[in-house]
């Protein structure tokens, strides 16, 4: 005889699942959750984010932050110092805007044509006070002075060279005023140099 479905659910579960899914889903969810998880996860994300953090990390890494800052800080100041002991400016060494106007002198540890060899006191340097056009550098910017000295194959004279009167032979009437000066370290470096010096030291090392 034909078996017809009943209006009430069976008291006991069937021995085998139905082979065909029902056309209409049940109106109410079951009161007891399934013992085993579903075979496949949900493919679509939920419309509302979860309120608790996930147990496992995400499959892909987040975009890493940039390693370098977005802005580069550049200095807009440079040193000026008294050109000789005849200068009475106080302080004798200052840090001023690079756009200021000061005198300048060029120095070189090796001979350069037209440079004057200064051997005053402890000095042993070649000095020069003119720019690439042969004019005294009395009122120039830092960039102008730096470009002029580098164009001559030299550098700006340092604070120590000026203080030791080494640059006096360069003249141009700058001995009593401050001039642009090259940077120099007043303390020995904490890390030894990688390359050997070109000449041996005059005294033996302590070790």
N, C-alpha and C. Protein backbone atom coordinates (compact mmCIF):
# COMPACT_ATOMS: atom_id res chain seq x y z
N UNK A 1 0.85 -1.20 0.00
CA UNK A 1 0.00 0.00 0.00
C UNK A 1 0.88 1.24 0.00
N UNK A 2 0.35 2.35 -0.49
CA UNK A 2 1.12 3.60 -0.58
C UNK A 2 1.25 4.25 0.80
N UNK A 3 2.53 4.66 1.10
CA UNK A 3 2.78 5.30 2.40
C UNK A 3 2.66 6.80 2.20
N UNK A 4 1.80 7.43 2.97
CA UNK A 4 1.59 8.87 2.85
C UNK A 4 2.28 9.59 4.02
N UNK A 5 2.76 10.83 3.80
CA UNK A 5 3.40 11.57 4.89
C UNK A 5 2.38 11.96 5.93
N UNK A 6 2.80 11.98 7.17
CA UNK A 6 1.92 12.39 8.26
C UNK A 6 2.07 13.88 8.50
N UNK A 7 1.11 14.45 9.20
CA UNK A 7 1.17 15.86 9.53
C UNK A 7 2.08 16.13 10.72
N UNK A 8 2.37 15.14 11.52
CA UNK A 8 3.19 15.29 12.70
C UNK A 8 4.54 14.64 12.47
N UNK A 9 5.61 15.21 13.06
CA UNK A 9 6.93 14.59 12.89
C UNK A 9 7.00 13.25 13.59
N UNK A 10 7.87 12.39 13.11
CA UNK A 10 8.03 11.08 13.72
C UNK A 10 8.74 11.22 15.06
N UNK A 11 8.44 10.28 15.95
CA UNK A 11 9.02 10.34 17.30
C UNK A 11 10.50 10.00 17.28
N UNK A 12 10.90 9.12 16.39
CA UNK A 12 12.29 8.69 16.29
C UNK A 12 12.87 9.10 14.94
N UNK A 13 14.18 9.38 14.88
CA UNK A 13 14.75 9.73 13.58
C UNK A 13 14.75 8.53 12.66
N UNK A 14 14.71 8.80 11.37
CA UNK A 14 14.75 7.72 10.39
C UNK A 14 16.13 7.10 10.36
N UNK A 15 16.18 5.83 9.91
CA UNK A 15 17.46 5.12 9.87
C UNK A 15 18.38 5.66 8.79
N UNK A 16 17.83 6.17 7.74
CA UNK A 16 18.62 6.71 6.62
C UNK A 16 18.09 8.08 6.25
N UNK A 17 18.95 8.98 5.83
CA UNK A 17 18.46 10.31 5.42
C UNK A 17 17.68 10.19 4.12
N UNK A 18 16.84 11.17 3.87
CA UNK A 18 16.09 11.19 2.61
C UNK A 18 17.04 11.43 1.46
N UNK A 19 16.74 10.83 0.34
CA UNK A 19 17.62 10.95 -0.83
C UNK A 19 17.37 12.23 -1.60
N UNK A 20 16.22 12.81 -1.41
CA UNK A 20 15.85 14.02 -2.14
C UNK A 20 15.57 15.12 -1.13
N UNK A 21 16.12 16.31 -1.40
CA UNK A 21 15.87 17.42 -0.49
C UNK A 21 14.45 17.89 -0.63
N UNK A 22 13.93 18.45 0.45
CA UNK A 22 12.55 18.96 0.39
C UNK A 22 12.51 20.22 -0.45
N UNK A 23 11.40 20.47 -1.11
CA UNK A 23 11.25 21.64 -1.96
C UNK A 23 11.07 22.92 -1.16
N UNK A 24 10.54 22.78 0.01
CA UNK A 24 10.27 23.95 0.85
C UNK A 24 11.03 23.79 2.16
N UNK A 25 11.80 24.80 2.56
CA UNK A 25 12.53 24.67 3.84
C UNK A 25 11.57 24.66 5.01
N UNK A 26 12.04 24.14 6.11
CA UNK A 26 11.21 24.11 7.31
C UNK A 26 10.97 25.53 7.80
N UNK A 27 9.79 25.70 8.40
CA UNK A 27 9.41 27.05 8.84
C UNK A 27 10.22 27.50 10.05
N UNK A 28 10.59 26.57 10.89
CA UNK A 28 11.32 26.92 12.12
C UNK A 28 12.61 26.12 12.20
N UNK A 29 13.61 26.72 12.80
CA UNK A 29 14.88 26.02 12.96
C UNK A 29 14.76 24.97 14.03
N UNK A 30 15.66 24.00 13.99
CA UNK A 30 15.63 22.92 14.97
C UNK A 30 16.03 23.45 16.33
N UNK A 31 15.53 22.80 17.36
CA UNK A 31 15.82 23.26 18.72
C UNK A 31 17.21 22.84 19.18
N UNK A 32 17.75 21.82 18.55
CA UNK A 32 19.07 21.32 18.93
C UNK A 32 20.03 21.50 17.75
N UNK A 33 21.23 22.06 17.97
CA UNK A 33 22.16 22.23 16.84
C UNK A 33 22.67 20.88 16.36
N UNK A 34 23.15 20.85 15.15
CA UNK A 34 23.72 19.63 14.59
C UNK A 34 25.00 19.27 15.31
N UNK A 35 25.25 17.98 15.39
CA UNK A 35 26.44 17.52 16.13
C UNK A 35 27.72 17.76 15.36
N UNK A 36 27.64 17.74 14.06
CA UNK A 36 28.83 17.92 13.22
C UNK A 36 28.72 19.19 12.40
N UNK A 37 29.88 19.85 12.11
CA UNK A 37 29.82 21.07 11.28
C UNK A 37 29.45 20.73 9.84
N UNK A 38 29.04 21.72 9.11
CA UNK A 38 28.73 21.53 7.69
C UNK A 38 30.01 21.24 6.92
N UNK A 39 29.86 20.61 5.75
CA UNK A 39 31.04 20.23 4.96
C UNK A 39 31.76 21.42 4.34
N UNK A 40 31.04 22.46 4.05
CA UNK A 40 31.65 23.62 3.38
C UNK A 40 31.31 24.89 4.14
N UNK A 41 32.23 25.86 4.20
CA UNK A 41 31.93 27.12 4.89
C UNK A 41 31.00 27.99 4.06
N UNK A 42 30.48 29.00 4.65
CA UNK A 42 29.65 29.97 3.92
C UNK A 42 30.55 30.77 2.99
N UNK A 43 30.13 30.98 1.76
CA UNK A 43 30.98 31.67 0.78
C UNK A 43 30.87 33.19 0.86
N UNK A 44 29.76 33.67 1.28
CA UNK A 44 29.56 35.12 1.31
C UNK A 44 29.85 35.65 2.71
N UNK A 45 30.51 36.81 2.83
CA UNK A 45 30.78 37.37 4.15
C UNK A 45 29.50 37.89 4.78
N UNK A 46 29.50 37.97 6.09
CA UNK A 46 28.33 38.49 6.78
C UNK A 46 28.23 39.99 6.56
N UNK A 47 27.02 40.51 6.64
CA UNK A 47 26.80 41.94 6.43
C UNK A 47 27.30 42.77 7.60
N UNK A 48 27.37 42.16 8.77
CA UNK A 48 27.80 42.87 9.97
C UNK A 48 29.10 42.27 10.47
N UNK A 49 30.10 43.08 10.79
CA UNK A 49 31.38 42.51 11.26
C UNK A 49 31.20 41.83 12.61
N UNK A 50 32.08 40.86 12.87
CA UNK A 50 32.02 40.15 14.14
C UNK A 50 32.48 41.06 15.27
N UNK A 51 31.96 40.81 16.46
CA UNK A 51 32.29 41.65 17.61
C UNK A 51 33.52 41.18 18.35
N UNK A 52 33.96 39.96 18.09
CA UNK A 52 35.15 39.43 18.76
C UNK A 52 36.22 39.13 17.73
N UNK A 53 37.47 39.12 18.14
CA UNK A 53 38.57 38.84 17.23
C UNK A 53 38.58 37.38 16.83
N UNK A 54 39.08 37.11 15.64
CA UNK A 54 39.16 35.72 15.18
C UNK A 54 40.28 34.98 15.90
N UNK A 55 40.13 33.66 16.00
CA UNK A 55 41.14 32.84 16.69
C UNK A 55 42.38 32.68 15.82
N UNK A 56 42.18 32.54 14.53
CA UNK A 56 43.30 32.32 13.61
C UNK A 56 43.65 33.61 12.88
N UNK A 57 44.91 33.81 12.51
CA UNK A 57 45.30 35.02 11.76
C UNK A 57 44.71 35.00 10.36
N UNK A 58 44.66 36.18 9.73
CA UNK A 58 44.14 36.27 8.37
C UNK A 58 45.11 35.59 7.41
N UNK A 59 44.56 35.15 6.27
CA UNK A 59 45.37 34.38 5.32
C UNK A 59 46.42 35.24 4.63
N UNK A 60 46.14 36.52 4.44
CA UNK A 60 47.09 37.42 3.78
C UNK A 60 47.53 38.50 4.74
N UNK A 61 48.76 38.95 4.59
CA UNK A 61 49.31 39.97 5.47
C UNK A 61 48.78 41.34 5.09
N UNK A 62 48.69 42.22 6.07
CA UNK A 62 48.29 43.60 5.79
C UNK A 62 49.43 44.33 5.11
N UNK A 63 49.10 45.43 4.46
CA UNK A 63 50.13 46.21 3.76
C UNK A 63 51.10 46.76 4.77
N UNK A 64 52.41 46.48 4.64
CA UNK A 64 53.37 46.97 5.65
C UNK A 64 53.55 48.47 5.58
N UNK A 65 53.93 49.12 6.69
CA UNK A 65 54.16 50.57 6.66
C UNK A 65 55.43 50.89 5.89
N UNK A 66 55.53 52.13 5.45
CA UNK A 66 56.74 52.54 4.74
C UNK A 66 57.91 52.57 5.69
N UNK A 67 59.10 52.23 5.20
CA UNK A 67 60.29 52.16 6.04
C UNK A 67 60.95 53.51 6.20
N UNK A 68 60.68 54.43 5.28
CA UNK A 68 61.32 55.74 5.32
C UNK A 68 60.30 56.82 5.61
N UNK A 69 60.69 57.89 6.29
CA UNK A 69 59.74 58.98 6.53
C UNK A 69 59.33 59.65 5.23
N UNK A 70 58.16 60.26 5.21
CA UNK A 70 57.67 60.89 3.99
C UNK A 70 58.35 62.23 3.72
N UNK A 71 58.96 62.81 4.74
CA UNK A 71 59.62 64.09 4.55
C UNK A 71 61.09 63.97 4.95
N UNK A 72 61.94 64.65 4.22
CA UNK A 72 63.36 64.68 4.52
C UNK A 72 63.73 66.04 5.10
N UNK A 73 64.32 66.02 6.28
CA UNK A 73 64.70 67.27 6.93
C UNK A 73 66.05 67.71 6.40
N UNK A 74 66.14 68.92 5.91
CA UNK A 74 67.40 69.46 5.41
C UNK A 74 67.78 70.68 6.23
N UNK A 75 69.07 70.87 6.46
CA UNK A 75 69.54 72.00 7.24
C UNK A 75 69.61 73.24 6.36
N UNK A 76 69.18 74.34 6.90
CA UNK A 76 69.25 75.60 6.16
C UNK A 76 70.21 76.57 6.84
N UNK A 77 71.08 76.02 7.71
CA UNK A 77 72.08 76.86 8.37
C UNK A 77 73.48 76.30 8.16
N UNK A 78 74.47 77.13 8.38
CA UNK A 78 75.88 76.73 8.25
C UNK A 78 76.73 77.55 9.22
N UNK A 79 77.98 77.14 9.37
CA UNK A 79 78.87 77.81 10.33
C UNK A 79 79.59 79.01 9.72
N UNK A 80 79.75 80.04 10.55
CA UNK A 80 80.67 81.14 10.26
C UNK A 80 81.58 81.26 11.47
N UNK A 81 82.82 81.67 11.23
CA UNK A 81 83.77 81.84 12.35
C UNK A 81 84.71 82.98 12.03
N UNK A 82 85.35 83.49 13.08
CA UNK A 82 86.31 84.58 12.88
C UNK A 82 87.44 84.12 11.96
N UNK A 83 87.79 84.97 11.00
CA UNK A 83 88.80 84.60 10.01
C UNK A 83 90.21 84.57 10.58
N UNK A 84 90.43 85.24 11.71
CA UNK A 84 91.75 85.23 12.35
C UNK A 84 91.61 85.73 13.78
N UNK A 85 92.71 85.79 14.51
CA UNK A 85 92.67 86.26 15.89
C UNK A 85 92.41 87.76 15.96
N UNK A 86 92.47 88.45 14.83
CA UNK A 86 92.19 89.89 14.81
C UNK A 86 90.69 90.16 14.90
N UNK A 87 89.87 89.14 14.66
CA UNK A 87 88.42 89.29 14.70
C UNK A 87 87.95 89.31 16.15
N UNK A 88 87.07 90.26 16.48
CA UNK A 88 86.58 90.39 17.85
C UNK A 88 85.09 90.06 17.98
N UNK A 89 84.52 89.43 16.96
CA UNK A 89 83.09 89.09 17.00
C UNK A 89 82.82 88.12 18.14
N UNK A 90 81.68 88.28 18.78
CA UNK A 90 81.31 87.40 19.89
C UNK A 90 79.84 86.98 19.73
N UNK A 91 79.60 85.67 19.69
CA UNK A 91 80.60 84.58 19.73
C UNK A 91 81.40 84.52 18.44
N UNK A 92 82.58 83.95 18.53
CA UNK A 92 83.45 83.89 17.35
C UNK A 92 82.96 82.88 16.32
N UNK A 93 82.21 81.87 16.80
CA UNK A 93 81.65 80.85 15.90
C UNK A 93 80.14 80.86 16.05
N UNK A 94 79.43 80.95 14.92
CA UNK A 94 77.97 80.98 14.96
C UNK A 94 77.39 80.09 13.87
N UNK A 95 76.13 79.73 14.06
CA UNK A 95 75.37 79.01 13.05
C UNK A 95 74.33 79.98 12.51
N UNK A 96 74.39 80.27 11.22
CA UNK A 96 73.53 81.30 10.62
C UNK A 96 72.83 80.74 9.38
N UNK A 97 71.77 81.40 8.91
CA UNK A 97 71.10 80.95 7.68
C UNK A 97 72.06 80.97 6.50
N UNK A 98 71.93 79.97 5.63
CA UNK A 98 72.84 79.85 4.49
C UNK A 98 72.66 80.97 3.47
N UNK A 99 71.54 81.68 3.58
CA UNK A 99 71.29 82.78 2.64
C UNK A 99 71.93 84.09 3.11
N UNK A 100 72.54 84.08 4.32
CA UNK A 100 73.21 85.28 4.82
C UNK A 100 74.44 85.58 3.97
N UNK A 101 74.93 86.81 4.08
CA UNK A 101 76.11 87.24 3.31
C UNK A 101 77.32 87.39 4.22
N UNK A 102 78.35 86.61 3.94
CA UNK A 102 79.60 86.65 4.68
C UNK A 102 80.76 86.49 3.71
N UNK A 103 81.96 86.74 4.22
CA UNK A 103 83.14 86.48 3.41
C UNK A 103 83.45 84.99 3.40
N UNK A 104 84.43 84.61 2.56
CA UNK A 104 84.79 83.19 2.48
C UNK A 104 86.22 83.03 2.02
N UNK A 105 86.82 81.95 2.49
CA UNK A 105 88.18 81.59 2.08
C UNK A 105 88.24 80.10 1.80
N UNK A 106 89.06 79.74 0.82
CA UNK A 106 89.18 78.33 0.44
C UNK A 106 90.50 77.76 0.93
N UNK A 107 90.48 76.49 1.31
CA UNK A 107 91.68 75.81 1.79
C UNK A 107 91.87 74.47 1.08
N UNK A 108 93.13 74.05 1.00
CA UNK A 108 93.45 72.76 0.42
C UNK A 108 94.69 72.20 1.12
N UNK A 109 94.69 70.90 1.34
CA UNK A 109 95.85 70.26 1.98
C UNK A 109 96.96 70.00 0.97
N UNK A 110 96.65 70.14 -0.32
CA UNK A 110 97.64 69.92 -1.39
C UNK A 110 97.75 71.18 -2.23
N UNK A 111 98.88 71.37 -2.91
CA UNK A 111 99.08 72.59 -3.70
C UNK A 111 98.05 72.73 -4.82
N UNK A 112 97.58 73.97 -5.03
CA UNK A 112 96.68 74.33 -6.13
C UNK A 112 97.23 75.62 -6.73
N UNK A 113 97.27 75.76 -8.04
CA UNK A 113 97.78 76.99 -8.67
C UNK A 113 97.13 78.25 -8.10
N UNK A 114 97.96 79.25 -7.79
CA UNK A 114 97.56 80.55 -7.25
C UNK A 114 97.24 80.51 -5.76
N UNK A 115 97.11 79.35 -5.17
CA UNK A 115 96.89 79.27 -3.73
C UNK A 115 98.19 79.58 -3.00
N UNK A 116 98.07 80.18 -1.80
CA UNK A 116 99.24 80.57 -1.01
C UNK A 116 99.49 79.52 0.07
N UNK A 117 100.72 79.06 0.15
CA UNK A 117 101.07 78.05 1.15
C UNK A 117 101.24 78.74 2.51
N UNK A 118 100.34 78.45 3.44
CA UNK A 118 100.38 79.07 4.77
C UNK A 118 101.09 78.14 5.75
N UNK A 119 102.18 78.65 6.32
CA UNK A 119 102.94 77.87 7.31
C UNK A 119 103.04 78.63 8.63
N UNK A 120 102.05 79.49 8.88
CA UNK A 120 102.02 80.28 10.11
C UNK A 120 101.81 79.34 11.30
N UNK A 121 102.66 79.39 12.29
CA UNK A 121 102.52 78.57 13.48
C UNK A 121 102.47 77.08 13.13
N UNK A 122 101.36 76.43 13.48
CA UNK A 122 101.21 74.99 13.23
C UNK A 122 100.59 74.71 11.85
N UNK A 123 100.39 75.75 11.07
CA UNK A 123 99.66 75.60 9.81
C UNK A 123 100.52 74.97 8.71
N UNK A 124 99.88 74.19 7.89
CA UNK A 124 100.48 73.64 6.68
C UNK A 124 99.33 73.41 5.69
N UNK A 125 98.83 74.51 5.13
CA UNK A 125 97.66 74.45 4.27
C UNK A 125 97.78 75.51 3.17
N UNK A 126 97.10 75.28 2.06
CA UNK A 126 97.12 76.21 0.94
C UNK A 126 95.81 76.98 0.94
N UNK A 127 95.89 78.31 0.94
CA UNK A 127 94.71 79.16 1.13
C UNK A 127 94.50 80.09 -0.06
N UNK A 128 93.23 80.55 -0.20
CA UNK A 128 92.87 81.40 -1.33
C UNK A 128 91.61 82.16 -0.96
N UNK A 129 91.50 83.41 -1.40
CA UNK A 129 90.35 84.22 -1.04
C UNK A 129 89.51 84.70 -2.22
N UNK A 130 89.81 84.22 -3.44
CA UNK A 130 89.09 84.69 -4.62
C UNK A 130 88.12 83.63 -5.14
N UNK A 131 87.10 84.09 -5.86
CA UNK A 131 86.15 83.15 -6.45
C UNK A 131 86.63 82.71 -7.84
N UNK A 132 85.78 82.06 -8.60
CA UNK A 132 86.16 81.54 -9.92
C UNK A 132 86.40 82.66 -10.92
N UNK A 133 85.90 83.87 -10.62
CA UNK A 133 86.11 85.02 -11.50
C UNK A 133 87.27 85.89 -11.06
N UNK A 134 87.97 85.46 -10.01
CA UNK A 134 89.11 86.21 -9.52
C UNK A 134 88.75 87.37 -8.62
N UNK A 135 87.51 87.36 -8.07
CA UNK A 135 87.07 88.44 -7.20
C UNK A 135 87.09 87.99 -5.74
N UNK A 136 87.42 88.94 -4.83
CA UNK A 136 87.41 88.63 -3.41
C UNK A 136 85.99 88.25 -2.97
N UNK A 137 85.89 87.18 -2.19
CA UNK A 137 84.58 86.76 -1.68
C UNK A 137 84.33 87.44 -0.34
N UNK A 138 83.74 88.65 -0.40
CA UNK A 138 83.51 89.43 0.81
C UNK A 138 82.07 89.34 1.32
N UNK A 139 81.12 89.30 0.41
CA UNK A 139 79.70 89.25 0.77
C UNK A 139 79.01 88.23 -0.14
N UNK A 140 79.09 86.98 0.24
CA UNK A 140 78.50 85.91 -0.58
C UNK A 140 77.69 84.96 0.29
N UNK A 141 76.81 84.20 -0.33
CA UNK A 141 76.02 83.21 0.40
C UNK A 141 76.87 81.96 0.62
N UNK A 142 76.36 81.07 1.46
CA UNK A 142 77.09 79.83 1.74
C UNK A 142 77.24 78.99 0.47
N UNK A 143 76.18 78.88 -0.31
CA UNK A 143 76.23 78.07 -1.53
C UNK A 143 77.25 78.64 -2.51
N UNK A 144 77.27 79.97 -2.63
CA UNK A 144 78.23 80.59 -3.54
C UNK A 144 79.66 80.28 -3.11
N UNK A 145 79.92 80.41 -1.81
CA UNK A 145 81.27 80.14 -1.29
C UNK A 145 81.65 78.68 -1.47
N UNK A 146 80.71 77.78 -1.16
CA UNK A 146 80.98 76.36 -1.29
C UNK A 146 81.25 75.97 -2.73
N UNK A 147 80.41 76.46 -3.65
CA UNK A 147 80.59 76.16 -5.08
C UNK A 147 81.91 76.71 -5.60
N UNK A 148 82.28 77.90 -5.14
CA UNK A 148 83.53 78.52 -5.60
C UNK A 148 84.74 77.69 -5.17
N UNK A 149 84.75 77.29 -3.89
CA UNK A 149 85.88 76.51 -3.38
C UNK A 149 85.96 75.14 -4.05
N UNK A 150 84.82 74.49 -4.20
CA UNK A 150 84.82 73.17 -4.85
C UNK A 150 85.18 73.29 -6.32
N UNK A 151 84.79 74.39 -6.94
CA UNK A 151 85.15 74.62 -8.34
C UNK A 151 86.64 74.81 -8.53
N UNK A 152 87.31 75.26 -7.48
CA UNK A 152 88.77 75.43 -7.52
C UNK A 152 89.50 74.17 -7.07
N UNK A 153 88.75 73.15 -6.73
CA UNK A 153 89.37 71.91 -6.25
C UNK A 153 89.74 71.97 -4.79
N UNK A 154 89.09 72.87 -4.05
CA UNK A 154 89.41 73.05 -2.63
C UNK A 154 88.13 72.89 -1.79
N UNK A 155 88.16 73.40 -0.58
CA UNK A 155 87.04 73.34 0.35
C UNK A 155 87.04 74.61 1.17
N UNK A 156 85.96 74.82 1.92
CA UNK A 156 85.92 75.96 2.84
C UNK A 156 86.91 75.72 3.98
N UNK A 157 87.62 76.74 4.40
CA UNK A 157 88.55 76.61 5.52
C UNK A 157 87.76 76.33 6.79
N UNK A 158 88.31 75.53 7.67
CA UNK A 158 87.61 75.12 8.88
C UNK A 158 87.73 76.17 9.99
N UNK A 159 86.94 75.99 11.04
CA UNK A 159 86.98 76.89 12.19
C UNK A 159 88.38 76.91 12.79
N UNK A 160 89.00 75.74 12.93
CA UNK A 160 90.34 75.65 13.53
C UNK A 160 91.38 76.35 12.66
N UNK A 161 91.30 76.16 11.37
CA UNK A 161 92.27 76.81 10.46
C UNK A 161 92.15 78.33 10.55
N UNK A 162 90.94 78.83 10.69
CA UNK A 162 90.76 80.28 10.85
C UNK A 162 91.28 80.75 12.21
N UNK A 163 90.95 79.99 13.27
CA UNK A 163 91.37 80.37 14.62
C UNK A 163 92.89 80.33 14.78
N UNK A 164 93.56 79.46 14.01
CA UNK A 164 95.02 79.34 14.09
C UNK A 164 95.74 80.31 13.16
N UNK A 165 94.97 81.25 12.57
CA UNK A 165 95.55 82.26 11.65
C UNK A 165 96.07 81.66 10.35
N UNK A 166 95.69 80.43 10.06
CA UNK A 166 96.19 79.79 8.84
C UNK A 166 95.73 80.48 7.57
N UNK A 167 94.56 81.11 7.62
CA UNK A 167 93.98 81.68 6.40
C UNK A 167 94.33 83.14 6.17
N UNK A 168 95.10 83.74 7.07
CA UNK A 168 95.44 85.16 6.95
C UNK A 168 96.11 85.52 5.62
N UNK A 169 97.00 84.67 5.08
CA UNK A 169 97.66 85.03 3.82
C UNK A 169 96.68 85.17 2.64
N UNK A 170 95.43 84.71 2.77
CA UNK A 170 94.47 84.83 1.68
C UNK A 170 93.99 86.27 1.51
N UNK A 171 94.18 87.10 2.52
CA UNK A 171 93.88 88.52 2.49
C UNK A 171 92.42 88.83 2.15
N UNK A 172 92.22 89.78 1.21
CA UNK A 172 90.88 90.28 0.83
C UNK A 172 90.19 91.05 1.97
N UNK A 173 90.96 91.46 2.98
CA UNK A 173 90.41 92.30 4.04
C UNK A 173 89.39 91.60 4.93
N UNK A 174 89.57 90.30 5.14
CA UNK A 174 88.59 89.54 5.92
C UNK A 174 89.10 89.13 7.30
N UNK A 175 90.30 89.52 7.66
CA UNK A 175 90.90 89.04 8.92
C UNK A 175 90.14 89.48 10.17
N UNK A 176 89.36 90.56 10.10
CA UNK A 176 88.66 91.07 11.28
C UNK A 176 87.17 90.73 11.30
N UNK A 177 86.75 89.89 10.37
CA UNK A 177 85.32 89.56 10.29
C UNK A 177 85.12 88.03 10.28
N UNK A 178 83.88 87.63 10.36
CA UNK A 178 83.54 86.21 10.28
C UNK A 178 83.40 85.78 8.82
N UNK A 179 83.77 84.55 8.55
CA UNK A 179 83.68 84.00 7.20
C UNK A 179 83.00 82.63 7.25
N UNK A 180 82.47 82.21 6.12
CA UNK A 180 81.88 80.86 6.05
C UNK A 180 82.95 79.82 6.36
N UNK A 181 82.59 78.84 7.15
CA UNK A 181 83.58 77.84 7.59
C UNK A 181 83.07 76.43 7.36
N UNK A 182 84.00 75.56 7.01
CA UNK A 182 83.65 74.16 6.81
C UNK A 182 83.44 73.45 8.13
N UNK A 183 82.61 72.43 8.10
CA UNK A 183 82.34 71.65 9.32
C UNK A 183 83.53 70.79 9.66
N UNK A 184 83.77 70.64 10.95
CA UNK A 184 84.83 69.75 11.41
C UNK A 184 84.43 69.17 12.75
N UNK A 185 84.82 67.94 13.00
CA UNK A 185 84.51 67.29 14.27
C UNK A 185 85.55 67.67 15.30
N UNK A 186 85.09 68.10 16.48
CA UNK A 186 86.02 68.50 17.54
C UNK A 186 86.42 67.31 18.41
N UNK A 187 85.68 66.19 18.29
CA UNK A 187 85.98 64.99 19.07
C UNK A 187 86.36 63.86 18.12
N UNK A 188 87.23 62.94 18.56
CA UNK A 188 87.56 61.80 17.70
C UNK A 188 86.35 60.92 17.49
N UNK A 189 86.25 60.26 16.35
CA UNK A 189 85.11 59.40 16.07
C UNK A 189 85.14 58.17 16.96
N UNK A 190 83.94 57.65 17.28
CA UNK A 190 83.83 56.49 18.17
C UNK A 190 84.20 55.20 17.45
N UNK A 191 84.07 55.21 16.11
CA UNK A 191 84.36 54.02 15.31
C UNK A 191 85.61 54.26 14.48
N UNK A 192 86.56 53.36 14.47
CA UNK A 192 87.77 53.57 13.68
C UNK A 192 87.46 53.60 12.19
N UNK A 193 88.29 54.29 11.43
CA UNK A 193 88.09 54.36 9.99
C UNK A 193 88.37 53.01 9.35
N UNK A 194 87.67 52.74 8.24
CA UNK A 194 87.82 51.45 7.57
C UNK A 194 89.07 51.44 6.69
N UNK A 195 89.34 52.58 6.07
CA UNK A 195 90.49 52.67 5.18
C UNK A 195 91.73 53.15 5.94
N UNK A 196 92.91 52.66 5.61
CA UNK A 196 94.13 53.15 6.27
C UNK A 196 94.44 54.57 5.82
N UNK A 197 95.13 55.33 6.67
CA UNK A 197 95.50 56.70 6.31
C UNK A 197 96.60 56.66 5.26
N UNK A 198 96.69 57.76 4.50
CA UNK A 198 97.66 57.82 3.41
C UNK A 198 99.09 57.90 3.94
N UNK A 199 99.26 58.48 5.14
CA UNK A 199 100.60 58.63 5.71
C UNK A 199 100.62 58.02 7.12
N UNK A 200 101.74 57.48 7.55
CA UNK A 200 101.82 56.92 8.91
C UNK A 200 101.73 58.03 9.96
N UNK A 201 101.26 57.69 11.15
CA UNK A 201 101.17 58.67 12.23
C UNK A 201 102.57 58.99 12.75
N UNK A 202 102.74 60.22 13.26
CA UNK A 202 104.06 60.67 13.72
C UNK A 202 104.48 60.00 15.03
N UNK A 203 103.47 59.51 15.79
CA UNK A 203 103.78 58.88 17.07
C UNK A 203 103.19 57.47 17.10
N UNK A 204 103.84 56.56 17.82
CA UNK A 204 103.30 55.18 17.88
C UNK A 204 101.98 55.16 18.64
N UNK A 205 101.12 54.19 18.31
CA UNK A 205 99.84 54.06 19.01
C UNK A 205 100.07 53.54 20.43
N UNK A 206 99.06 53.71 21.29
CA UNK A 206 99.21 53.34 22.70
C UNK A 206 99.15 51.83 22.89
N UNK A 207 98.61 51.10 21.89
CA UNK A 207 98.47 49.66 22.04
C UNK A 207 99.33 48.94 21.02
